[in-house]
Amino acid sequence: MKITEVKTYDLNYPLAEPFANSRVWCKARTAGVVEIITDAGVTGWGEGLTTPNRQEIDAHIIGRDPLDAAVIWNDLYAQGWGDIAAISAVDIALWDIAGKVRDMPVYRLLGGAFRHRIPAYASGLFMRNRPDNTGALADEARAYADAGFPAVKMKIGHGEDYDVESVAAVREAIGDDLLFAVDANCGYDVGTAIDVGRKIADSDIYWYEEPIEIENVSGYAEIRRALGMRIAGGEMLRGHRAFRNLIQGRGIDIVQPDISVAGGFTECRKVQAMASANGVRVLPHMWGTSIRLAATLHWQATIPDDPESLHPQPSLFEFDMTENALRTELALEPLRAVDGEVEVPQGPGLGIEIDRDLLERYSS
């Protein structure tokens, strides 16, 4: 079996209502999708933060065996080809092909699933241009609790007063039983991050995500020591080497690689092994289309509880709750959260079929 063709799609879905994290207003959802076609009639789908250059990718993988995913990954990286976030899309597509060829889901190729349904946290609660944003956040959070989610995550980093007031309002809305995480998207310096962390601690924060720039490992360690609160991050790091200092420097308690940014299945397994060796939990980041959603489910299904115990910490799946037809409609059978859980796809490969009409509609 040989690779005969590669197609790329740069997707852009405009939002009806923009929303903001601490760094930027989001007015559209974008993604880079790769379709790899073989002479056996098997097609694989992958998603990256970006798409590869068509001429370069054709020169490097046309005619190769798609089952050589690790070899292809290393060759692309060694030759200085493209961005690791683009290699991610190629790698995911190759694993999708491998599963389809062997007639088994990707999680089985990775060694089997520790779980077939994963508890999910509702990831949303962004700033929006509304008269009473704090009140709107409380209403949104209450709806997630009513839908059965065991946990929610809220965006902060918009200023101390806003953060403290809004975090307290959301905690009151969801009650005491739900887990509650906050994400500053690297919006603070060390001192401000510590100050905000101390002020919101009374709201029983399960983790504090990316309070500062992720490269500042010593700053993360300082925040972690000062707050005695779980610190999480790593969603934009590319390649396993980029995670080394953060993990080994004990800057975080929870590492959050994104399979479409860090390097696909091939590279994320290395990050997982490194984290396990250093006693750091892995809870993948997920922010993309149906393809990334499915790929993340397959990978997270294979991550064991660490440490294993009678009452382990939950393997929480990030379920994006914002408007995004690329996530809710790109798969012919959408992947949904039901009663706060998401089922791991059981079909061959990634276990999803793509709506080509929607793919073409939002291709730029």
Protein backbone atom coordinates (compact mmCIF):
# COMPACT_ATOMS: atom_id res chain seq x y z
CA MET A 1 0.00 0.00 0.00
CA LYS A 2 1.32 3.44 -0.98
CA ILE A 3 0.29 7.04 -0.49
CA THR A 4 -0.92 8.42 -3.82
CA GLU A 5 -2.36 11.84 -3.01
CA VAL A 6 -2.58 14.44 -0.24
CA LYS A 7 -5.28 17.09 -0.04
CA THR A 8 -5.31 20.02 2.37
CA TYR A 9 -8.22 22.16 3.57
CA ASP A 10 -7.88 25.46 5.41
CA LEU A 11 -11.20 25.81 7.21
CA ASN A 12 -12.80 29.00 8.48
CA TYR A 13 -16.14 29.12 10.27
CA PRO A 14 -17.33 32.68 11.16
CA LEU A 15 -18.95 33.06 14.57
CA ALA A 16 -22.36 34.62 15.09
CA GLU A 17 -21.13 36.11 18.38
CA PRO A 18 -17.42 36.72 19.04
CA PHE A 19 -15.89 35.81 22.39
CA ALA A 20 -12.59 36.55 24.09
CA ASN A 21 -9.95 34.91 26.21
CA SER A 22 -7.31 37.03 27.93
CA ARG A 23 -5.33 37.51 24.72
CA VAL A 24 -7.65 37.89 21.73
CA TRP A 25 -11.20 38.20 20.48
CA CYS A 26 -12.21 35.09 18.53
CA LYS A 27 -14.38 35.96 15.52
CA ALA A 28 -13.99 32.69 13.59
CA ARG A 29 -13.01 29.09 14.21
CA THR A 30 -10.22 27.83 11.99
CA ALA A 31 -8.47 24.52 11.40
CA GLY A 32 -6.05 22.82 9.04
CA VAL A 33 -7.32 19.48 7.72
CA VAL A 34 -5.33 16.90 5.75
CA GLU A 35 -6.74 14.05 3.67
CA ILE A 36 -4.28 11.29 2.73
CA ILE A 37 -5.33 8.92 -0.05
CA THR A 38 -3.78 5.50 -0.77
CA ASP A 39 -3.72 3.15 -3.73
CA ALA A 40 -5.75 0.68 -1.65
CA GLY A 41 -8.71 3.06 -1.63
CA VAL A 42 -8.25 3.85 2.07
CA THR A 43 -8.37 7.50 3.10
CA GLY A 44 -7.13 9.02 6.34
CA TRP A 45 -8.13 12.33 7.95
CA GLY A 46 -5.96 14.50 10.17
CA GLU A 47 -6.11 17.93 11.75
CA GLY A 48 -3.36 20.35 12.65
CA LEU A 49 -3.19 23.89 13.84
CA THR A 50 -1.94 24.59 10.31
CA THR A 51 -1.81 22.68 7.02
CA PRO A 52 1.43 21.60 5.34
CA ASN A 53 2.72 23.13 2.13
CA ARG A 54 1.27 20.95 -0.63
CA GLN A 55 4.40 20.81 -2.78
CA GLU A 56 6.63 19.97 0.18
CA ILE A 57 4.34 17.29 1.55
CA ASP A 58 3.92 15.69 -1.88
CA ALA A 59 7.69 15.52 -2.29
CA HIS A 60 8.19 13.86 1.09
CA ILE A 61 5.38 11.32 1.45
CA ILE A 62 3.90 10.43 -1.95
CA GLY A 63 4.79 6.80 -2.71
CA ARG A 64 5.52 5.91 0.91
CA ASP A 65 3.86 3.23 3.02
CA PRO A 66 1.26 4.98 5.26
CA LEU A 67 1.81 2.39 8.00
CA ASP A 68 5.30 3.80 8.58
CA ALA A 69 3.90 6.67 10.67
CA ALA A 70 6.82 6.95 13.12
CA VAL A 71 9.42 6.77 10.35
CA ILE A 72 7.60 9.42 8.31
CA TRP A 73 7.30 11.66 11.40
CA ASN A 74 11.03 11.46 12.12
CA ASP A 75 11.96 12.02 8.47
CA LEU A 76 9.76 15.11 8.21
CA TYR A 77 11.17 16.55 11.43
CA ALA A 78 14.80 15.69 10.63
CA GLN A 79 14.56 17.36 7.23
CA GLY A 80 13.31 20.56 8.82
CA TRP A 81 9.99 20.21 7.04
CA GLY A 82 7.22 22.54 8.13
CA ASP A 83 5.70 23.15 11.54
CA ILE A 84 5.17 20.33 14.04
CA ALA A 85 1.56 21.51 14.21
CA ALA A 86 1.29 20.67 10.50
CA ILE A 87 3.08 17.33 10.95
CA SER A 88 0.38 16.62 13.55
CA ALA A 89 -2.26 16.57 10.83
CA VAL A 90 -0.24 14.16 8.70
CA ASP A 91 0.42 11.85 11.65
CA ILE A 92 -3.23 11.68 12.72
CA ALA A 93 -4.26 10.86 9.15
CA LEU A 94 -1.70 8.04 8.97
CA TRP A 95 -3.01 6.49 12.20
CA ASP A 96 -6.55 6.80 10.84
CA ILE A 97 -5.44 4.82 7.76
CA ALA A 98 -3.69 2.21 9.93
CA GLY A 99 -6.85 1.61 11.93
CA LYS A 100 -8.98 1.31 8.82
CA VAL A 101 -6.55 -1.12 7.19
CA ARG A 102 -6.54 -3.32 10.31
CA ASP A 103 -10.30 -2.82 10.85
CA MET A 104 -9.88 -1.59 14.41
CA PRO A 105 -10.16 1.73 16.26
CA VAL A 106 -6.97 3.71 16.79
CA TYR A 107 -7.12 3.20 20.56
CA ARG A 108 -6.54 -0.52 20.00
CA LEU A 109 -3.46 0.23 17.89
CA LEU A 110 -2.20 2.30 20.82
CA GLY A 111 -2.53 -0.64 23.21
CA GLY A 112 -6.16 -0.64 24.26
CA ALA A 113 -8.60 1.54 26.17
CA PHE A 114 -8.69 2.00 29.94
CA ARG A 115 -12.09 3.62 29.49
CA HIS A 116 -14.72 3.71 26.72
CA ARG A 117 -16.66 6.64 28.13
CA ILE A 118 -14.76 9.63 29.50
CA PRO A 119 -16.17 12.15 31.99
CA ALA A 120 -16.11 15.57 30.37
CA TYR A 121 -15.73 19.11 31.57
CA ALA A 122 -17.69 21.86 29.85
CA SER A 123 -15.07 24.20 28.40
CA GLY A 124 -16.55 27.63 27.76
CA LEU A 125 -17.40 30.64 29.95
CA PHE A 126 -15.58 33.20 27.81
CA MET A 127 -15.91 36.95 27.98
CA ARG A 128 -18.51 38.28 25.56
CA ASN A 129 -19.76 41.75 24.71
CA ARG A 130 -22.79 41.73 26.98
CA PRO A 131 -24.22 44.29 29.44
CA ASP A 132 -23.81 41.93 32.41
CA ASN A 133 -21.09 39.47 31.46
CA THR A 134 -20.75 38.07 34.97
CA GLY A 135 -24.45 37.33 35.15
CA ALA A 136 -24.31 35.71 31.71
CA LEU A 137 -21.41 33.53 32.86
CA ALA A 138 -23.40 32.36 35.87
CA ASP A 139 -26.36 31.45 33.64
CA GLU A 140 -24.09 29.59 31.22
CA ALA A 141 -22.39 27.67 34.01
CA ARG A 142 -25.72 26.73 35.57
CA ALA A 143 -26.82 25.27 32.23
CA TYR A 144 -23.69 23.07 32.14
CA ALA A 145 -24.42 21.81 35.63
CA ASP A 146 -28.02 21.06 34.66
CA ALA A 147 -26.75 19.13 31.60
CA GLY A 148 -24.88 16.73 33.88
CA PHE A 149 -21.28 17.84 33.41
CA PRO A 150 -19.17 16.94 36.47
CA ALA A 151 -16.82 19.90 35.89
CA VAL A 152 -16.57 23.26 34.10
CA LYS A 153 -13.73 25.51 32.98
CA MET A 154 -13.89 29.29 32.83
CA LYS A 155 -11.68 31.86 31.13
CA ILE A 156 -10.01 34.43 33.34
CA GLY A 157 -7.11 36.84 32.86
CA HIS A 158 -9.33 39.86 32.20
CA GLY A 159 -8.28 41.83 35.29
CA GLU A 160 -8.33 41.04 38.97
CA ASP A 161 -11.71 42.58 39.78
CA TYR A 162 -13.45 40.84 36.87
CA ASP A 163 -11.79 37.51 37.62
CA VAL A 164 -12.56 37.48 41.35
CA GLU A 165 -16.18 38.59 40.92
CA SER A 166 -16.92 36.26 38.00
CA VAL A 167 -15.24 33.21 39.53
CA ALA A 168 -17.30 33.65 42.71
CA ALA A 169 -20.50 34.02 40.64
CA VAL A 170 -19.80 30.86 38.64
CA ARG A 171 -18.98 28.84 41.76
CA GLU A 172 -22.24 29.95 43.34
CA ALA A 173 -24.12 29.01 40.16
CA ILE A 174 -22.74 25.47 39.89
CA GLY A 175 -22.78 24.67 43.60
CA ASP A 176 -20.13 22.97 45.69
CA ASP A 177 -20.06 19.52 44.07
CA LEU A 178 -18.77 20.27 40.55
CA LEU A 179 -15.06 20.55 39.82
CA PHE A 180 -14.14 24.05 38.70
CA ALA A 181 -11.05 24.97 36.66
CA VAL A 182 -9.92 28.39 35.45
CA ASP A 183 -7.75 29.28 32.44
CA ALA A 184 -5.88 32.58 32.13
CA ASN A 185 -4.38 31.83 28.67
CA CYS A 186 -1.00 33.22 29.80
CA GLY A 187 -2.59 36.59 30.55
CA TYR A 188 -0.69 37.49 33.73
CA ASP A 189 2.80 38.04 35.09
CA VAL A 190 3.96 35.98 38.07
CA GLY A 191 3.01 38.44 40.79
CA THR A 192 -0.48 39.10 39.43
CA ALA A 193 -1.07 35.39 38.84
CA ILE A 194 -0.25 34.67 42.49
CA ASP A 195 -2.43 37.53 43.72
CA VAL A 196 -5.42 36.41 41.63
CA GLY A 197 -4.87 32.79 42.63
CA ARG A 198 -5.02 33.68 46.32
CA LYS A 199 -8.19 35.72 45.86
CA ILE A 200 -10.06 33.00 43.97
CA ALA A 201 -8.86 30.11 46.15
CA ASP A 202 -12.03 30.29 48.27
CA SER A 203 -13.97 29.16 45.18
CA ASP A 204 -12.29 25.73 45.43
CA ILE A 205 -10.36 25.82 42.13
CA TYR A 206 -9.52 22.34 40.81
CA TRP A 207 -6.74 23.66 38.58
CA TYR A 208 -5.32 27.02 37.51
CA GLU A 209 -4.41 26.83 33.83
CA GLU A 210 -1.63 28.77 32.12
CA PRO A 211 -1.51 31.83 34.38
CA ILE A 212 1.70 33.04 32.64
CA GLU A 213 3.69 32.44 29.45
CA ILE A 214 4.33 28.72 29.22
CA GLU A 215 8.07 29.10 28.56
CA ASN A 216 8.60 30.64 32.02
CA VAL A 217 9.23 27.37 33.86
CA SER A 218 10.72 28.99 36.97
CA GLY A 219 7.72 31.31 37.13
CA TYR A 220 5.36 28.33 37.03
CA ALA A 221 7.28 26.68 39.85
CA GLU A 222 7.08 29.91 41.88
CA ILE A 223 3.30 30.15 41.37
CA ARG A 224 2.85 26.50 42.27
CA ARG A 225 4.81 26.90 45.51
CA ALA A 226 3.02 30.10 46.47
CA LEU A 227 -0.53 28.88 45.92
CA GLY A 228 -0.56 25.21 46.83
CA MET A 229 -3.02 24.85 43.94
CA ARG A 230 -2.87 22.47 40.94
CA ILE A 231 -1.24 24.23 38.00
CA ALA A 232 -1.90 23.10 34.41
CA GLY A 233 -0.70 24.00 30.93
CA GLY A 234 1.11 23.13 27.73
CA GLU A 235 -1.58 23.28 25.05
CA MET A 236 0.55 25.18 22.51
CA LEU A 237 3.84 23.34 22.97
CA ARG A 238 5.15 21.55 19.87
CA GLY A 239 7.13 18.31 20.06
CA HIS A 240 8.06 16.30 23.15
CA ARG A 241 11.30 18.22 23.71
CA ALA A 242 9.32 21.41 24.28
CA PHE A 243 7.62 19.77 27.28
CA ARG A 244 10.80 18.57 28.95
CA ASN A 245 11.71 21.58 31.10
CA LEU A 246 8.14 22.24 32.15
CA ILE A 247 7.60 18.64 33.26
CA GLN A 248 11.01 17.94 34.76
CA GLY A 249 11.18 21.38 36.37
CA ARG A 250 8.02 20.58 38.37
CA GLY A 251 6.33 23.69 37.04
CA ILE A 252 2.95 21.99 36.63
CA ASP A 253 0.78 19.26 38.11
CA ILE A 254 -1.24 18.62 34.94
CA VAL A 255 0.21 18.74 31.42
CA GLN A 256 -2.20 19.41 28.55
CA PRO A 257 -0.74 18.52 25.14
CA ASP A 258 -2.98 19.16 22.14
CA ILE A 259 -2.76 16.27 19.68
CA SER A 260 -3.11 18.66 16.71
CA VAL A 261 -0.34 20.93 17.95
CA ALA A 262 2.18 18.74 19.80
CA GLY A 263 2.78 16.28 16.96
CA GLY A 264 -0.09 13.81 16.62
CA PHE A 265 -0.33 10.37 18.20
CA THR A 266 3.33 9.56 17.54
CA GLU A 267 4.71 12.52 19.49
CA CYS A 268 2.02 12.77 22.16
CA ARG A 269 2.81 9.24 23.33
CA LYS A 270 6.34 10.45 24.08
CA VAL A 271 4.99 13.38 26.08
CA GLN A 272 2.75 10.97 27.99
CA ALA A 273 5.70 8.71 28.83
CA MET A 274 7.79 11.66 30.01
CA ALA A 275 4.95 12.93 32.20
CA SER A 276 4.38 9.49 33.71
CA ALA A 277 8.07 9.13 34.55
CA ASN A 278 7.92 12.43 36.41
CA GLY A 279 4.62 11.95 38.20
CA VAL A 280 2.68 14.56 36.19
CA ARG A 281 -0.91 13.93 35.12
CA VAL A 282 -1.87 14.13 31.43
CA LEU A 283 -5.24 15.69 30.53
CA PRO A 284 -5.15 16.54 26.81
CA HIS A 285 -6.29 19.88 25.48
CA MET A 286 -9.04 19.79 22.83
CA TRP A 287 -10.05 22.79 20.73
CA GLY A 288 -10.91 21.92 17.17
CA THR A 289 -13.04 20.04 14.65
CA SER A 290 -14.65 16.62 14.81
CA ILE A 291 -11.33 15.16 13.65
CA ARG A 292 -9.35 16.52 16.59
CA LEU A 293 -12.20 15.60 18.93
CA ALA A 294 -12.13 11.97 17.77
CA ALA A 295 -8.34 11.74 17.82
CA THR A 296 -8.16 13.14 21.35
CA LEU A 297 -10.78 10.67 22.56
CA HIS A 298 -8.78 7.74 21.17
CA TRP A 299 -5.58 8.94 22.80
CA GLN A 300 -7.12 9.86 26.15
CA ALA A 301 -8.84 6.46 26.32
CA THR A 302 -5.37 4.85 26.42
CA ILE A 303 -3.90 7.01 29.21
CA PRO A 304 -3.94 5.04 32.49
CA ASP A 305 -4.85 6.52 35.83
CA ASP A 306 -1.66 7.75 37.48
CA PRO A 307 -1.29 6.76 40.21
CA GLU A 308 -3.69 3.84 40.01
CA SER A 309 -5.87 3.54 43.10
CA LEU A 310 -9.35 2.57 44.22
CA HIS A 311 -10.41 6.20 43.92
CA PRO A 312 -8.34 7.78 41.11
CA GLN A 313 -8.52 11.36 39.99
CA PRO A 314 -10.96 11.56 37.06
CA SER A 315 -9.65 11.51 33.48
CA LEU A 316 -11.55 14.62 32.44
CA PHE A 317 -12.08 15.24 28.73
CA GLU A 318 -12.17 18.85 27.48
CA PHE A 319 -15.50 19.27 25.69
CA ASP A 320 -15.59 22.60 23.89
CA MET A 321 -19.04 24.18 24.33
CA THR A 322 -18.59 27.20 22.09
CA GLU A 323 -20.25 27.69 18.71
CA ASN A 324 -18.35 25.73 16.05
CA ALA A 325 -19.97 23.89 13.13
CA LEU A 326 -16.56 22.38 12.36
CA ARG A 327 -16.94 20.40 15.59
CA THR A 328 -20.69 19.82 15.65
CA GLU A 329 -21.35 19.12 11.95
CA LEU A 330 -18.13 18.03 10.19
CA ALA A 331 -18.64 14.40 11.24
CA LEU A 332 -21.70 12.78 9.69
CA GLU A 333 -22.45 11.34 13.14
CA PRO A 334 -21.39 14.07 15.60
CA LEU A 335 -19.61 13.18 18.83
CA ARG A 336 -21.64 14.53 21.74
CA ALA A 337 -21.44 14.78 25.51
CA VAL A 338 -24.34 12.90 27.09
CA ASP A 339 -24.95 13.20 30.83
CA GLY A 340 -21.47 14.64 31.23
CA GLU A 341 -19.63 11.85 29.40
CA VAL A 342 -18.27 11.37 25.88
CA GLU A 343 -18.12 7.96 24.24
CA VAL A 344 -14.90 6.89 22.51
CA PRO A 345 -15.62 6.08 18.82
CA GLN A 346 -15.67 2.35 18.10
CA GLY A 347 -15.37 2.29 14.30
CA PRO A 348 -12.13 1.60 12.39
CA GLY A 349 -9.47 4.31 12.51
CA LEU A 350 -10.77 7.50 14.09
CA GLY A 351 -14.28 6.09 13.79
CA ILE A 352 -15.84 9.06 12.01
CA GLU A 353 -16.98 9.88 8.48
CA ILE A 354 -16.54 13.40 7.10
CA ASP A 355 -19.31 15.54 5.60
CA ARG A 356 -17.59 16.63 2.40
CA ASP A 357 -20.22 19.25 1.62
CA LEU A 358 -19.53 21.04 4.90
CA LEU A 359 -15.78 20.60 4.34
CA GLU A 360 -15.99 22.40 1.02
CA ARG A 361 -18.39 25.06 2.34
CA TYR A 362 -15.94 26.31 4.96
CA SER A 363 -12.71 25.81 2.98
CA SER A 364 -10.95 29.09 2.26
